[in-house]
Amino acid sequence: MIVQAAWSLVRCQHGGKIKEFYDRLYLKKGAKKSIIAASRKMIEVLYTMIRTGELFNSMPENILNRKLAQYGLIVKKNKRRALTQET
């Protein structure tokens, strides 16, 4: 099932770091080996999230705040920290 999620992630336009990882491996190893490696990377990220209790954060906070400001969606730092500490 995680392989299907990885396929979905690498095929979407905004796949993020996992898609970049897949694309880099695809040139060397081919599609099947690359998707298995991307699936493993996703499992490692999920395990780390469960172990540490943190939310997934694919981009640094300064870049996220800049992008949110572009769309007029500025989030207060205290509110965001509260969200990350609750889960």
Protein backbone atom coordinates (compact mmCIF):
# COMPACT_ATOMS: atom_id res chain seq x y z
CA MET A 1 0.00 0.00 0.00
CA ILE A 2 2.86 2.40 0.74
CA VAL A 3 4.19 1.78 -2.77
CA GLN A 4 0.87 2.95 -4.21
CA ALA A 5 1.09 6.09 -2.09
CA ALA A 6 4.63 6.65 -3.36
CA TRP A 7 3.46 6.27 -6.99
CA SER A 8 0.75 8.85 -6.33
CA LEU A 9 3.24 11.21 -4.74
CA VAL A 10 5.82 11.03 -7.53
CA ARG A 11 3.19 11.50 -10.23
CA CYS A 12 1.64 14.62 -8.72
CA GLN A 13 2.92 18.07 -9.58
CA HIS A 14 3.97 19.00 -6.04
CA GLY A 15 5.67 15.82 -4.87
CA GLY A 16 8.27 17.63 -2.81
CA LYS A 17 11.49 16.05 -1.58
CA ILE A 18 10.31 12.48 -2.14
CA LYS A 19 9.59 13.23 -5.79
CA GLU A 20 13.00 14.87 -6.19
CA PHE A 21 14.59 11.80 -4.59
CA TYR A 22 12.67 9.50 -6.96
CA ASP A 23 13.57 11.55 -10.04
CA ARG A 24 17.24 11.51 -9.11
CA LEU A 25 17.25 7.73 -8.64
CA TYR A 26 15.11 7.08 -11.71
CA LEU A 27 17.92 8.15 -14.02
CA LYS A 28 20.31 5.63 -12.46
CA LYS A 29 18.16 2.70 -11.33
CA GLY A 30 14.90 2.76 -13.27
CA ALA A 31 11.30 3.10 -12.18
CA LYS A 32 10.73 0.02 -10.03
CA LYS A 33 13.85 0.25 -7.88
CA SER A 34 13.38 3.99 -7.51
CA ILE A 35 9.78 3.69 -6.33
CA ILE A 36 10.77 1.09 -3.72
CA ALA A 37 13.50 3.43 -2.47
CA ALA A 38 11.01 6.32 -2.34
CA SER A 39 8.57 4.11 -0.41
CA ARG A 40 11.28 3.24 2.08
CA LYS A 41 12.10 6.94 2.48
CA MET A 42 8.41 7.63 3.20
CA ILE A 43 8.38 4.88 5.83
CA GLU A 44 11.49 6.36 7.45
CA VAL A 45 9.82 9.78 7.61
CA LEU A 46 6.62 8.28 9.08
CA TYR A 47 8.59 6.33 11.68
CA THR A 48 10.49 9.45 12.71
CA MET A 49 7.23 11.41 12.99
CA ILE A 50 5.71 8.72 15.21
CA ARG A 51 8.84 8.38 17.34
CA THR A 52 9.34 12.12 17.93
CA GLY A 53 5.69 13.19 17.84
CA GLU A 54 6.38 16.01 15.37
CA LEU A 55 4.28 17.02 12.39
CA PHE A 56 5.70 16.69 8.89
CA ASN A 57 7.50 19.84 7.77
CA SER A 58 8.80 19.69 4.22
CA MET A 59 10.14 23.23 4.06
CA PRO A 60 11.95 25.61 6.40
CA GLU A 61 9.77 27.96 8.42
CA ASN A 62 11.04 31.13 6.75
CA ILE A 63 10.10 29.85 3.28
CA LEU A 64 6.71 28.68 4.54
CA ASN A 65 5.98 32.07 6.11
CA ARG A 66 6.99 33.86 2.91
CA LYS A 67 4.66 31.68 0.84
CA LEU A 68 1.80 32.11 3.30
CA ALA A 69 2.32 35.88 3.23
CA GLN A 70 2.05 35.84 -0.57
CA TYR A 71 -1.46 34.44 -0.24
CA GLY A 72 -2.38 36.57 2.75
CA LEU A 73 -2.41 33.63 5.15
CA ILE A 74 0.01 34.75 7.84
CA VAL A 75 0.02 32.39 10.83
CA LYS A 76 1.12 33.59 14.25
CA LYS A 77 4.21 31.78 15.54
CA ASN A 78 2.63 30.94 18.90
CA LYS A 79 -0.37 29.39 17.18
CA ARG A 80 1.83 27.27 14.92
CA ARG A 81 3.98 26.10 17.81
CA ALA A 82 0.86 25.17 19.71
CA LEU A 83 -0.27 23.07 16.76
CA THR A 84 3.03 21.20 16.59
CA GLN A 85 3.06 20.58 20.34
CA GLU A 86 -0.52 19.27 20.52
CA THR A 87 -0.02 16.36 18.16
